[in-house]
Amino acid sequence: MTPQQLHAALDERRRTLGLPWWRVAIQLQISGVFLNRMRHGHLSKPLRARVEAWLGEAS
């Protein structure tokens, strides 16, 4: 999954749960800047692991 696809999955789950982006950032324990960077194609391995884990927990 590309960073943009992962961001889209994150956005879909966020909308399903009715969460604002700032709440997602808090749950992922990251700054909102990292979410914006992911949307533009930049994603570190540790952040990818956190996002994938959060998506798995939220399902």
Protein backbone atom coordinates (compact mmCIF):
# COMPACT_ATOMS: atom_id res chain seq x y z
CA MET A 1 0.00 0.00 0.00
CA THR A 2 1.41 3.41 -0.93
CA PRO A 3 1.50 6.20 1.66
CA GLN A 4 -1.39 7.89 -0.15
CA GLN A 5 -3.47 4.70 -0.11
CA LEU A 6 -2.71 4.23 3.57
CA HIS A 7 -3.76 7.84 4.22
CA ALA A 8 -7.00 7.22 2.31
CA ALA A 9 -7.69 4.11 4.42
CA LEU A 10 -6.95 6.14 7.54
CA ASP A 11 -9.33 8.87 6.37
CA GLU A 12 -12.06 6.34 5.64
CA ARG A 13 -11.74 4.78 9.10
CA ARG A 14 -11.58 8.26 10.68
CA ARG A 15 -14.84 9.24 8.99
CA THR A 16 -16.49 5.95 9.98
CA LEU A 17 -15.57 6.55 13.61
CA GLY A 18 -16.55 10.23 13.41
CA LEU A 19 -13.14 11.45 14.54
CA PRO A 20 -11.45 14.73 13.66
CA TRP A 21 -7.88 14.49 12.35
CA TRP A 22 -6.43 15.89 15.56
CA ARG A 23 -7.97 13.00 17.51
CA VAL A 24 -6.45 10.47 15.10
CA ALA A 25 -3.06 12.12 15.59
CA ILE A 26 -3.45 11.85 19.37
CA GLN A 27 -4.40 8.18 19.14
CA LEU A 28 -1.39 7.52 16.90
CA GLN A 29 0.78 9.60 19.26
CA ILE A 30 2.10 11.76 16.43
CA SER A 31 1.93 15.34 15.26
CA GLY A 32 -0.63 16.26 12.62
CA VAL A 33 2.32 17.23 10.41
CA PHE A 34 3.08 13.54 9.92
CA LEU A 35 -0.46 12.92 8.66
CA ASN A 36 -0.02 15.68 6.10
CA ARG A 37 3.35 14.29 5.04
CA MET A 38 1.78 10.85 4.59
CA ARG A 39 -0.87 12.36 2.33
CA HIS A 40 1.97 13.69 0.16
CA GLY A 41 3.79 10.36 -0.04
CA HIS A 42 6.23 10.48 2.89
CA LEU A 43 5.93 7.68 5.41
CA SER A 44 8.53 6.20 7.75
CA LYS A 45 8.48 2.51 8.65
CA PRO A 46 7.63 3.17 12.32
CA LEU A 47 4.71 5.42 11.36
CA ARG A 48 3.49 2.86 8.81
CA ALA A 49 3.49 0.22 11.55
CA ARG A 50 1.53 2.51 13.91
CA VAL A 51 -1.05 3.39 11.26
CA GLU A 52 -1.50 -0.24 10.21
CA ALA A 53 -1.88 -1.31 13.85
CA TRP A 54 -4.44 1.46 14.47
CA LEU A 55 -6.40 0.49 11.37
CA GLY A 56 -6.38 -3.13 12.55
CA GLU A 57 -7.59 -2.18 16.04
CA ALA A 58 -10.32 0.06 14.71
CA SER A 59 -11.89 -2.65 12.55
